[in-house]
Amino acid sequence: MPDLSRQEQQVILFLAIVALAGIGINFLAKNFSSVKVIAYLNQDISKIDLNQADRYTLMSVSGIGEKIAQCILDYRNQEGNFHDIEELKRIKGLTKSKYEKIKDEFVIR
């Protein structure tokens, strides 16, 4: 291998890094179209975080009144944060049909 000066070695290293970055960007662009990425990022934006919502935010969901909102807050205070949306089934007064109607309104972050 020819003897290269330090500056030449740095230039070759820089070019190699740029080439690898270009390959990585090309891979990401082909496999993750911007529409897919945006859809993935936005899927939970309009949902309410069950572990952060206050009483009034919970009541903004159709089907959740003052009593159920308070039961959700009481459950969260007693049991800690929700780990799964299905834990809503344990809320006193929340029927199975009401659970089915509201479950998609929430997210757990």
PDB file of N, CA and C in Angstrom:
ATOM      1  N   MET A   1       0.854  -1.173   0.000  1.00  0.00           N
ATOM      2  CA  MET A   1       0.000   0.000   0.000  1.00  0.00           C
ATOM      3  C   MET A   1       0.899   1.235   0.000  1.00  0.00           C
ATOM      4  N   PRO A   2       0.572   2.181  -0.842  1.00  0.00           N
ATOM      5  CA  PRO A   2       1.434   3.361  -0.943  1.00  0.00           C
ATOM      6  C   PRO A   2       1.394   4.181   0.355  1.00  0.00           C
ATOM      7  N   ASP A   3       2.474   4.858   0.604  1.00  0.00           N
ATOM      8  CA  ASP A   3       2.528   5.741   1.767  1.00  0.00           C
ATOM      9  C   ASP A   3       1.704   6.992   1.468  1.00  0.00           C
ATOM     10  N   LEU A   4       0.749   7.238   2.314  1.00  0.00           N
ATOM     11  CA  LEU A   4      -0.100   8.412   2.156  1.00  0.00           C
ATOM     12  C   LEU A   4       0.185   9.395   3.285  1.00  0.00           C
ATOM     13  N   SER A   5       0.123  10.654   2.928  1.00  0.00           N
ATOM     14  CA  SER A   5       0.319  11.672   3.962  1.00  0.00           C
ATOM     15  C   SER A   5      -0.904  11.694   4.868  1.00  0.00           C
ATOM     16  N   ARG A   6      -0.743  12.318   5.986  1.00  0.00           N
ATOM     17  CA  ARG A   6      -1.854  12.407   6.939  1.00  0.00           C
ATOM     18  C   ARG A   6      -3.050  13.102   6.301  1.00  0.00           C
ATOM     19  N   GLN A   7      -2.818  14.138   5.545  1.00  0.00           N
ATOM     20  CA  GLN A   7      -3.902  14.869   4.891  1.00  0.00           C
ATOM     21  C   GLN A   7      -4.614  13.969   3.869  1.00  0.00           C
ATOM     22  N   GLU A   8      -3.895  13.175   3.124  1.00  0.00           N
ATOM     23  CA  GLU A   8      -4.500  12.262   2.155  1.00  0.00           C
ATOM     24  C   GLU A   8      -5.339  11.192   2.864  1.00  0.00           C
ATOM     25  N   GLN A   9      -4.845  10.702   3.995  1.00  0.00           N
ATOM     26  CA  GLN A   9      -5.596   9.722   4.769  1.00  0.00           C
ATOM     27  C   GLN A   9      -6.916  10.325   5.268  1.00  0.00           C
ATOM     28  N   GLN A  10      -6.852  11.575   5.699  1.00  0.00           N
ATOM     29  CA  GLN A  10      -8.048  12.245   6.184  1.00  0.00           C
ATOM     30  C   GLN A  10      -9.073  12.434   5.054  1.00  0.00           C
ATOM     31  N   VAL A  11      -8.582  12.774   3.863  1.00  0.00           N
ATOM     32  CA  VAL A  11      -9.479  12.959   2.721  1.00  0.00           C
ATOM     33  C   VAL A  11     -10.150  11.629   2.373  1.00  0.00           C
ATOM     34  N   ILE A  12      -9.394  10.552   2.359  1.00  0.00           N
ATOM     35  CA  ILE A  12      -9.957   9.228   2.047  1.00  0.00           C
ATOM     36  C   ILE A  12     -10.981   8.826   3.109  1.00  0.00           C
ATOM     37  N   LEU A  13     -10.673   9.063   4.362  1.00  0.00           N
ATOM     38  CA  LEU A  13     -11.608   8.761   5.447  1.00  0.00           C
ATOM     39  C   LEU A  13     -12.887   9.581   5.298  1.00  0.00           C
ATOM     40  N   PHE A  14     -12.744  10.856   4.993  1.00  0.00           N
ATOM     41  CA  PHE A  14     -13.903  11.725   4.801  1.00  0.00           C
ATOM     42  C   PHE A  14     -14.771  11.211   3.649  1.00  0.00           C
ATOM     43  N   LEU A  15     -14.160  10.859   2.538  1.00  0.00           N
ATOM     44  CA  LEU A  15     -14.911  10.359   1.385  1.00  0.00           C
ATOM     45  C   LEU A  15     -15.634   9.051   1.708  1.00  0.00           C
ATOM     46  N   ALA A  16     -14.973   8.201   2.476  1.00  0.00           N
ATOM     47  CA  ALA A  16     -15.601   6.937   2.862  1.00  0.00           C
ATOM     48  C   ALA A  16     -16.822   7.195   3.749  1.00  0.00           C
ATOM     49  N   ILE A  17     -16.704   8.124   4.683  1.00  0.00           N
ATOM     50  CA  ILE A  17     -17.834   8.457   5.565  1.00  0.00           C
ATOM     51  C   ILE A  17     -18.986   9.044   4.760  1.00  0.00           C
ATOM     52  N   VAL A  18     -18.682   9.929   3.831  1.00  0.00           N
ATOM     53  CA  VAL A  18     -19.723  10.523   2.996  1.00  0.00           C
ATOM     54  C   VAL A  18     -20.410   9.446   2.155  1.00  0.00           C
ATOM     55  N   ALA A  19     -19.632   8.517   1.609  1.00  0.00           N
ATOM     56  CA  ALA A  19     -20.207   7.442   0.809  1.00  0.00           C
ATOM     57  C   ALA A  19     -21.127   6.564   1.659  1.00  0.00           C
ATOM     58  N   LEU A  20     -20.712   6.218   2.872  1.00  0.00           N
ATOM     59  CA  LEU A  20     -21.551   5.401   3.754  1.00  0.00           C
ATOM     60  C   LEU A  20     -22.815   6.137   4.160  1.00  0.00           C
ATOM     61  N   ALA A  21     -22.693   7.427   4.422  1.00  0.00           N
ATOM     62  CA  ALA A  21     -23.876   8.218   4.768  1.00  0.00           C
ATOM     63  C   ALA A  21     -24.849   8.245   3.593  1.00  0.00           C
ATOM     64  N   GLY A  22     -24.339   8.395   2.396  1.00  0.00           N
ATOM     65  CA  GLY A  22     -25.179   8.397   1.198  1.00  0.00           C
ATOM     66  C   GLY A  22     -25.886   7.069   1.009  1.00  0.00           C
ATOM     67  N   ILE A  23     -25.190   5.984   1.236  1.00  0.00           N
ATOM     68  CA  ILE A  23     -25.798   4.657   1.126  1.00  0.00           C
ATOM     69  C   ILE A  23     -26.908   4.504   2.163  1.00  0.00           C
ATOM     70  N   GLY A  24     -26.642   4.971   3.389  1.00  0.00           N
ATOM     71  CA  GLY A  24     -27.654   4.892   4.445  1.00  0.00           C
ATOM     72  C   GLY A  24     -28.881   5.715   4.117  1.00  0.00           C
ATOM     73  N   ILE A  25     -28.695   6.914   3.635  1.00  0.00           N
ATOM     74  CA  ILE A  25     -29.815   7.784   3.264  1.00  0.00           C
ATOM     75  C   ILE A  25     -30.614   7.168   2.127  1.00  0.00           C
ATOM     76  N   ASN A  26     -29.919   6.620   1.155  1.00  0.00           N
ATOM     77  CA  ASN A  26     -30.586   5.969   0.035  1.00  0.00           C
ATOM     78  C   ASN A  26     -31.428   4.788   0.513  1.00  0.00           C
ATOM     79  N   PHE A  27     -30.881   3.989   1.415  1.00  0.00           N
ATOM     80  CA  PHE A  27     -31.609   2.855   1.975  1.00  0.00           C
ATOM     81  C   PHE A  27     -32.870   3.321   2.692  1.00  0.00           C
ATOM     82  N   LEU A  28     -32.739   4.342   3.540  1.00  0.00           N
ATOM     83  CA  LEU A  28     -33.894   4.851   4.275  1.00  0.00           C
ATOM     84  C   LEU A  28     -34.947   5.429   3.338  1.00  0.00           C
ATOM     85  N   ALA A  29     -34.501   6.146   2.311  1.00  0.00           N
ATOM     86  CA  ALA A  29     -35.440   6.755   1.372  1.00  0.00           C
ATOM     87  C   ALA A  29     -36.231   5.699   0.612  1.00  0.00           C
ATOM     88  N   LYS A  30     -35.587   4.591   0.256  1.00  0.00           N
ATOM     89  CA  LYS A  30     -36.274   3.534  -0.488  1.00  0.00           C
ATOM     90  C   LYS A  30     -37.214   2.731   0.393  1.00  0.00           C
ATOM     91  N   ASN A  31     -36.832   2.494   1.637  1.00  0.00           N
ATOM     92  CA  ASN A  31     -37.611   1.614   2.502  1.00  0.00           C
ATOM     93  C   ASN A  31     -38.630   2.322   3.375  1.00  0.00           C
ATOM     94  N   PHE A  32     -38.466   3.604   3.579  1.00  0.00           N
ATOM     95  CA  PHE A  32     -39.378   4.351   4.436  1.00  0.00           C
ATOM     96  C   PHE A  32     -39.790   5.626   3.710  1.00  0.00           C
ATOM     97  N   SER A  33     -40.829   5.498   2.888  1.00  0.00           N
ATOM     98  CA  SER A  33     -41.275   6.678   2.163  1.00  0.00           C
ATOM     99  C   SER A  33     -41.763   7.722   3.147  1.00  0.00           C
ATOM    100  N   SER A  34     -41.730   8.959   2.762  1.00  0.00           N
ATOM    101  CA  SER A  34     -42.121  10.039   3.659  1.00  0.00           C
ATOM    102  C   SER A  34     -43.578   9.905   4.085  1.00  0.00           C
ATOM    103  N   VAL A  35     -44.424   9.384   3.221  1.00  0.00           N
ATOM    104  CA  VAL A  35     -45.830   9.205   3.574  1.00  0.00           C
ATOM    105  C   VAL A  35     -45.957   8.184   4.700  1.00  0.00           C
ATOM    106  N   LYS A  36     -45.216   7.077   4.629  1.00  0.00           N
ATOM    107  CA  LYS A  36     -45.267   6.060   5.676  1.00  0.00           C
ATOM    108  C   LYS A  36     -44.744   6.619   6.993  1.00  0.00           C
ATOM    109  N   VAL A  37     -43.661   7.359   6.921  1.00  0.00           N
ATOM    110  CA  VAL A  37     -43.077   7.920   8.140  1.00  0.00           C
ATOM    111  C   VAL A  37     -44.037   8.910   8.780  1.00  0.00           C
ATOM    112  N   ILE A  38     -44.620   9.789   7.983  1.00  0.00           N
ATOM    113  CA  ILE A  38     -45.551  10.780   8.510  1.00  0.00           C
ATOM    114  C   ILE A  38     -46.786  10.093   9.092  1.00  0.00           C
ATOM    115  N   ALA A  39     -47.299   9.089   8.411  1.00  0.00           N
ATOM    116  CA  ALA A  39     -48.465   8.366   8.918  1.00  0.00           C
ATOM    117  C   ALA A  39     -48.131   7.692  10.239  1.00  0.00           C
ATOM    118  N   TYR A  40     -46.954   7.100  10.330  1.00  0.00           N
ATOM    119  CA  TYR A  40     -46.548   6.434  11.568  1.00  0.00           C
ATOM    120  C   TYR A  40     -46.434   7.435  12.713  1.00  0.00           C
ATOM    121  N   LEU A  41     -45.833   8.582  12.432  1.00  0.00           N
ATOM    122  CA  LEU A  41     -45.645   9.582  13.476  1.00  0.00           C
ATOM    123  C   LEU A  41     -46.953  10.217  13.922  1.00  0.00           C
ATOM    124  N   ASN A  42     -47.913  10.323  13.018  1.00  0.00           N
ATOM    125  CA  ASN A  42     -49.165  11.002  13.331  1.00  0.00           C
ATOM    126  C   ASN A  42     -50.253  10.083  13.860  1.00  0.00           C
ATOM    127  N   GLN A  43     -50.034   8.787  13.882  1.00  0.00           N
ATOM    128  CA  GLN A  43     -51.117   7.872  14.242  1.00  0.00           C
ATOM    129  C   GLN A  43     -51.633   8.080  15.663  1.00  0.00           C
ATOM    130  N   ASP A  44     -50.799   8.526  16.578  1.00  0.00           N
ATOM    131  CA  ASP A  44     -51.223   8.690  17.957  1.00  0.00           C
ATOM    132  C   ASP A  44     -51.324  10.145  18.398  1.00  0.00           C
ATOM    133  N   ILE A  45     -51.140  11.083  17.479  1.00  0.00           N
ATOM    134  CA  ILE A  45     -51.099  12.498  17.858  1.00  0.00           C
ATOM    135  C   ILE A  45     -52.431  12.970  18.426  1.00  0.00           C
ATOM    136  N   SER A  46     -53.541  12.532  17.864  1.00  0.00           N
ATOM    137  CA  SER A  46     -54.840  13.027  18.326  1.00  0.00           C
ATOM    138  C   SER A  46     -55.389  12.228  19.499  1.00  0.00           C
ATOM    139  N   LYS A  47     -54.692  11.194  19.905  1.00  0.00           N
ATOM    140  CA  LYS A  47     -55.160  10.372  21.019  1.00  0.00           C
ATOM    141  C   LYS A  47     -54.754  10.979  22.353  1.00  0.00           C
ATOM    142  N   ILE A  48     -55.497  10.640  23.377  1.00  0.00           N
ATOM    143  CA  ILE A  48     -55.270  11.165  24.723  1.00  0.00           C
ATOM    144  C   ILE A  48     -54.400  10.192  25.496  1.00  0.00           C
ATOM    145  N   ASP A  49     -53.354  10.710  26.116  1.00  0.00           N
ATOM    146  CA  ASP A  49     -52.475   9.881  26.942  1.00  0.00           C
ATOM    147  C   ASP A  49     -53.199   9.562  28.244  1.00  0.00           C
ATOM    148  N   LEU A  50     -53.497   8.304  28.433  1.00  0.00           N
ATOM    149  CA  LEU A  50     -54.274   7.862  29.589  1.00  0.00           C
ATOM    150  C   LEU A  50     -53.557   8.130  30.909  1.00  0.00           C
ATOM    151  N   ASN A  51     -52.248   8.220  30.875  1.00  0.00           N
ATOM    152  CA  ASN A  51     -51.485   8.459  32.102  1.00  0.00           C
ATOM    153  C   ASN A  51     -51.256   9.933  32.393  1.00  0.00           C
ATOM    154  N   GLN A  52     -51.618  10.809  31.467  1.00  0.00           N
ATOM    155  CA  GLN A  52     -51.401  12.246  31.661  1.00  0.00           C
ATOM    156  C   GLN A  52     -52.693  13.046  31.707  1.00  0.00           C
ATOM    157  N   ALA A  53     -53.773  12.462  31.226  1.00  0.00           N
ATOM    158  CA  ALA A  53     -55.024  13.206  31.087  1.00  0.00           C
ATOM    159  C   ALA A  53     -55.599  13.611  32.437  1.00  0.00           C
ATOM    160  N   ASP A  54     -56.093  14.839  32.494  1.00  0.00           N
ATOM    161  CA  ASP A  54     -56.797  15.281  33.692  1.00  0.00           C
ATOM    162  C   ASP A  54     -58.292  14.966  33.529  1.00  0.00           C
ATOM    163  N   ARG A  55     -59.045  15.305  34.514  1.00  0.00           N
ATOM    164  CA  ARG A  55     -60.472  14.976  34.549  1.00  0.00           C
ATOM    165  C   ARG A  55     -61.226  15.543  33.346  1.00  0.00           C
ATOM    166  N   TYR A  56     -60.943  16.790  33.018  1.00  0.00           N
ATOM    167  CA  TYR A  56     -61.669  17.441  31.934  1.00  0.00           C
ATOM    168  C   TYR A  56     -61.279  16.883  30.564  1.00  0.00           C
ATOM    169  N   THR A  57     -60.038  16.507  30.428  1.00  0.00           N
ATOM    170  CA  THR A  57     -59.602  15.885  29.173  1.00  0.00           C
ATOM    171  C   THR A  57     -60.276  14.533  29.006  1.00  0.00           C
ATOM    172  N   LEU A  58     -60.349  13.765  30.080  1.00  0.00           N
ATOM    173  CA  LEU A  58     -61.036  12.472  30.020  1.00  0.00           C
ATOM    174  C   LEU A  58     -62.510  12.659  29.662  1.00  0.00           C
ATOM    175  N   MET A  59     -63.130  13.680  30.233  1.00  0.00           N
ATOM    176  CA  MET A  59     -64.542  13.931  29.979  1.00  0.00           C
ATOM    177  C   MET A  59     -64.793  14.438  28.552  1.00  0.00           C
ATOM    178  N   SER A  60     -63.760  14.854  27.860  1.00  0.00           N
ATOM    179  CA  SER A  60     -63.931  15.298  26.475  1.00  0.00           C
ATOM    180  C   SER A  60     -64.182  14.127  25.526  1.00  0.00           C
ATOM    181  N   VAL A  61     -63.926  12.911  26.004  1.00  0.00           N
ATOM    182  CA  VAL A  61     -64.178  11.715  25.199  1.00  0.00           C
ATOM    183  C   VAL A  61     -65.654  11.359  25.323  1.00  0.00           C
ATOM    184  N   SER A  62     -66.310  11.209  24.195  1.00  0.00           N
ATOM    185  CA  SER A  62     -67.726  10.854  24.194  1.00  0.00           C
ATOM    186  C   SER A  62     -67.922   9.526  24.910  1.00  0.00           C
ATOM    187  N   GLY A  63     -68.808   9.534  25.907  1.00  0.00           N
ATOM    188  CA  GLY A  63     -69.066   8.315  26.670  1.00  0.00           C
ATOM    189  C   GLY A  63     -68.450   8.328  28.055  1.00  0.00           C
ATOM    190  N   ILE A  64     -67.563   9.306  28.306  1.00  0.00           N
ATOM    191  CA  ILE A  64     -66.964   9.411  29.635  1.00  0.00           C
ATOM    192  C   ILE A  64     -67.526  10.650  30.319  1.00  0.00           C
ATOM    193  N   GLY A  65     -68.241  10.382  31.392  1.00  0.00           N
ATOM    194  CA  GLY A  65     -68.802  11.468  32.179  1.00  0.00           C
ATOM    195  C   GLY A  65     -67.932  11.747  33.389  1.00  0.00           C
ATOM    196  N   GLU A  66     -68.465  12.571  34.249  1.00  0.00           N
ATOM    197  CA  GLU A  66     -67.730  13.000  35.439  1.00  0.00           C
ATOM    198  C   GLU A  66     -67.359  11.821  36.339  1.00  0.00           C
ATOM    199  N   LYS A  67     -68.305  10.892  36.552  1.00  0.00           N
ATOM    200  CA  LYS A  67     -68.064   9.761  37.454  1.00  0.00           C
ATOM    201  C   LYS A  67     -66.990   8.821  36.915  1.00  0.00           C
ATOM    202  N   ILE A  68     -67.087   8.457  35.650  1.00  0.00           N
ATOM    203  CA  ILE A  68     -66.095   7.537  35.083  1.00  0.00           C
ATOM    204  C   ILE A  68     -64.730   8.203  35.011  1.00  0.00           C
ATOM    205  N   ALA A  69     -64.699   9.483  34.667  1.00  0.00           N
ATOM    206  CA  ALA A  69     -63.422  10.203  34.642  1.00  0.00           C
ATOM    207  C   ALA A  69     -62.771  10.157  36.022  1.00  0.00           C
ATOM    208  N   GLN A  70     -63.561  10.380  37.054  1.00  0.00           N
ATOM    209  CA  GLN A  70     -63.026  10.335  38.410  1.00  0.00           C
ATOM    210  C   GLN A  70     -62.566   8.928  38.775  1.00  0.00           C
ATOM    211  N   CYS A  71     -63.305   7.909  38.338  1.00  0.00           N
ATOM    212  CA  CYS A  71     -62.894   6.518  38.601  1.00  0.00           C
ATOM    213  C   CYS A  71     -61.573   6.195  37.908  1.00  0.00           C
ATOM    214  N   ILE A  72     -61.382   6.718  36.715  1.00  0.00           N
ATOM    215  CA  ILE A  72     -60.116   6.506  35.998  1.00  0.00           C
ATOM    216  C   ILE A  72     -58.968   7.157  36.776  1.00  0.00           C
ATOM    217  N   LEU A  73     -59.204   8.380  37.241  1.00  0.00           N
ATOM    218  CA  LEU A  73     -58.166   9.073  38.017  1.00  0.00           C
ATOM    219  C   LEU A  73     -57.884   8.351  39.331  1.00  0.00           C
ATOM    220  N   ASP A  74     -58.931   7.867  39.994  1.00  0.00           N
ATOM    221  CA  ASP A  74     -58.752   7.128  41.248  1.00  0.00           C
ATOM    222  C   ASP A  74     -57.952   5.855  41.011  1.00  0.00           C
ATOM    223  N   TYR A  75     -58.293   5.146  39.933  1.00  0.00           N
ATOM    224  CA  TYR A  75     -57.563   3.922  39.595  1.00  0.00           C
ATOM    225  C   TYR A  75     -56.088   4.234  39.366  1.00  0.00           C
ATOM    226  N   ARG A  76     -55.842   5.288  38.601  1.00  0.00           N
ATOM    227  CA  ARG A  76     -54.456   5.667  38.289  1.00  0.00           C
ATOM    228  C   ARG A  76     -53.701   6.053  39.555  1.00  0.00           C
ATOM    229  N   ASN A  77     -54.365   6.731  40.476  1.00  0.00           N
ATOM    230  CA  ASN A  77     -53.709   7.116  41.731  1.00  0.00           C
ATOM    231  C   ASN A  77     -53.426   5.907  42.621  1.00  0.00           C
ATOM    232  N   GLN A  78     -54.320   4.929  42.620  1.00  0.00           N
ATOM    233  CA  GLN A  78     -54.160   3.751  43.479  1.00  0.00           C
ATOM    234  C   GLN A  78     -53.216   2.711  42.877  1.00  0.00           C
ATOM    235  N   GLU A  79     -53.330   2.485  41.583  1.00  0.00           N
ATOM    236  CA  GLU A  79     -52.590   1.397  40.926  1.00  0.00           C
ATOM    237  C   GLU A  79     -51.323   1.868  40.204  1.00  0.00           C
ATOM    238  N   GLY A  80     -51.161   3.153  40.063  1.00  0.00           N
ATOM    239  CA  GLY A  80     -50.037   3.670  39.272  1.00  0.00           C
ATOM    240  C   GLY A  80     -50.464   3.832  37.820  1.00  0.00           C
ATOM    241  N   ASN A  81     -49.515   4.153  36.988  1.00  0.00           N
ATOM    242  CA  ASN A  81     -49.809   4.392  35.576  1.00  0.00           C
ATOM    243  C   ASN A  81     -50.391   3.165  34.894  1.00  0.00           C
ATOM    244  N   PHE A  82     -51.206   3.428  33.890  1.00  0.00           N
ATOM    245  CA  PHE A  82     -51.719   2.358  33.043  1.00  0.00           C
ATOM    246  C   PHE A  82     -50.565   1.808  32.213  1.00  0.00           C
ATOM    247  N   HIS A  83     -50.560   0.508  32.020  1.00  0.00           N
ATOM    248  CA  HIS A  83     -49.544  -0.126  31.176  1.00  0.00           C
ATOM    249  C   HIS A  83     -50.159  -0.674  29.897  1.00  0.00           C
ATOM    250  N   ASP A  84     -51.478  -0.789  29.893  1.00  0.00           N
ATOM    251  CA  ASP A  84     -52.196  -1.333  28.745  1.00  0.00           C
ATOM    252  C   ASP A  84     -53.589  -0.710  28.726  1.00  0.00           C
ATOM    253  N   ILE A  85     -54.076  -0.403  27.546  1.00  0.00           N
ATOM    254  CA  ILE A  85     -55.402   0.189  27.401  1.00  0.00           C
ATOM    255  C   ILE A  85     -56.471  -0.731  28.010  1.00  0.00           C
ATOM    256  N   GLU A  86     -56.252  -2.029  27.933  1.00  0.00           N
ATOM    257  CA  GLU A  86     -57.236  -2.991  28.448  1.00  0.00           C
ATOM    258  C   GLU A  86     -57.458  -2.857  29.954  1.00  0.00           C
ATOM    259  N   GLU A  87     -56.571  -2.186  30.660  1.00  0.00           N
ATOM    260  CA  GLU A  87     -56.780  -1.951  32.083  1.00  0.00           C
ATOM    261  C   GLU A  87     -58.028  -1.103  32.324  1.00  0.00           C
ATOM    262  N   LEU A  88     -58.484  -0.394  31.305  1.00  0.00           N
ATOM    263  CA  LEU A  88     -59.717   0.381  31.433  1.00  0.00           C
ATOM    264  C   LEU A  88     -60.902  -0.518  31.792  1.00  0.00           C
ATOM    265  N   LYS A  89     -60.816  -1.776  31.412  1.00  0.00           N
ATOM    266  CA  LYS A  89     -61.898  -2.719  31.719  1.00  0.00           C
ATOM    267  C   LYS A  89     -62.092  -2.872  33.227  1.00  0.00           C
ATOM    268  N   ARG A  90     -61.102  -2.527  34.006  1.00  0.00           N
ATOM    269  CA  ARG A  90     -61.180  -2.646  35.464  1.00  0.00           C
ATOM    270  C   ARG A  90     -61.864  -1.445  36.126  1.00  0.00           C
ATOM    271  N   ILE A  91     -62.161  -0.430  35.340  1.00  0.00           N
ATOM    272  CA  ILE A  91     -62.758   0.784  35.880  1.00  0.00           C
ATOM    273  C   ILE A  91     -64.220   0.534  36.214  1.00  0.00           C
ATOM    274  N   LYS A  92     -64.581   0.794  37.450  1.00  0.00           N
ATOM    275  CA  LYS A  92     -65.953   0.601  37.907  1.00  0.00           C
ATOM    276  C   LYS A  92     -66.885   1.528  37.112  1.00  0.00           C
ATOM    277  N   GLY A  93     -67.953   0.942  36.599  1.00  0.00           N
ATOM    278  CA  GLY A  93     -68.938   1.723  35.854  1.00  0.00           C
ATOM    279  C   GLY A  93     -68.690   1.778  34.364  1.00  0.00           C
ATOM    280  N   LEU A  94     -67.554   1.281  33.912  1.00  0.00           N
ATOM    281  CA  LEU A  94     -67.242   1.298  32.484  1.00  0.00           C
ATOM    282  C   LEU A  94     -67.658  -0.046  31.887  1.00  0.00           C
ATOM    283  N   THR A  95     -68.763  -0.042  31.167  1.00  0.00           N
ATOM    284  CA  THR A  95     -69.276  -1.283  30.589  1.00  0.00           C
ATOM    285  C   THR A  95     -68.409  -1.741  29.425  1.00  0.00           C
ATOM    286  N   LYS A  96     -68.604  -2.993  29.063  1.00  0.00           N
ATOM    287  CA  LYS A  96     -67.843  -3.567  27.949  1.00  0.00           C
ATOM    288  C   LYS A  96     -68.115  -2.806  26.646  1.00  0.00           C
ATOM    289  N   SER A  97     -69.371  -2.470  26.410  1.00  0.00           N
ATOM    290  CA  SER A  97     -69.707  -1.751  25.170  1.00  0.00           C
ATOM    291  C   SER A  97     -69.122  -0.344  25.172  1.00  0.00           C
ATOM    292  N   LYS A  98     -69.121   0.308  26.325  1.00  0.00           N
ATOM    293  CA  LYS A  98     -68.548   1.647  26.409  1.00  0.00           C
ATOM    294  C   LYS A  98     -67.030   1.575  26.221  1.00  0.00           C
ATOM    295  N   TYR A  99     -66.421   0.532  26.799  1.00  0.00           N
ATOM    296  CA  TYR A  99     -64.976   0.325  26.616  1.00  0.00           C
ATOM    297  C   TYR A  99     -64.651   0.197  25.129  1.00  0.00           C
ATOM    298  N   GLU A 100     -65.432  -0.597  24.421  1.00  0.00           N
ATOM    299  CA  GLU A 100     -65.191  -0.793  22.985  1.00  0.00           C
ATOM    300  C   GLU A 100     -65.305   0.520  22.204  1.00  0.00           C
ATOM    301  N   LYS A 101     -66.174   1.411  22.650  1.00  0.00           N
ATOM    302  CA  LYS A 101     -66.371   2.692  21.970  1.00  0.00           C
ATOM    303  C   LYS A 101     -65.232   3.679  22.232  1.00  0.00           C
ATOM    304  N   ILE A 102     -64.642   3.606  23.420  1.00  0.00           N
ATOM    305  CA  ILE A 102     -63.660   4.640  23.797  1.00  0.00           C
ATOM    306  C   ILE A 102     -62.216   4.203  23.699  1.00  0.00           C
ATOM    307  N   LYS A 103     -61.940   2.912  23.636  1.00  0.00           N
ATOM    308  CA  LYS A 103     -60.572   2.419  23.742  1.00  0.00           C
ATOM    309  C   LYS A 103     -59.627   3.016  22.696  1.00  0.00           C
ATOM    310  N   ASP A 104     -60.133   3.293  21.522  1.00  0.00           N
ATOM    311  CA  ASP A 104     -59.270   3.825  20.459  1.00  0.00           C
ATOM    312  C   ASP A 104     -58.977   5.313  20.606  1.00  0.00           C
ATOM    313  N   GLU A 105     -59.588   5.953  21.590  1.00  0.00           N
ATOM    314  CA  GLU A 105     -59.349   7.366  21.824  1.00  0.00           C
ATOM    315  C   GLU A 105     -58.098   7.612  22.670  1.00  0.00           C
ATOM    316  N   PHE A 106     -57.543   6.532  23.232  1.00  0.00           N
ATOM    317  CA  PHE A 106     -56.446   6.670  24.179  1.00  0.00           C
ATOM    318  C   PHE A 106     -55.164   6.031  23.678  1.00  0.00           C
ATOM    319  N   VAL A 107     -54.081   6.513  24.247  1.00  0.00           N
ATOM    320  CA  VAL A 107     -52.755   5.961  23.991  1.00  0.00           C
ATOM    321  C   VAL A 107     -52.020   5.972  25.319  1.00  0.00           C
ATOM    322  N   ILE A 108     -51.061   5.084  25.460  1.00  0.00           N
ATOM    323  CA  ILE A 108     -50.222   5.074  26.645  1.00  0.00           C
ATOM    324  C   ILE A 108     -48.801   5.363  26.187  1.00  0.00           C
ATOM    325  N   ARG A 109     -48.263   6.454  26.670  1.00  0.00           N
ATOM    326  CA  ARG A 109     -46.891   6.829  26.275  1.00  0.00           C
ATOM    327  C   ARG A 109     -45.958   6.603  27.419  1.00  0.00           C
TER     328      ARG A 109
END
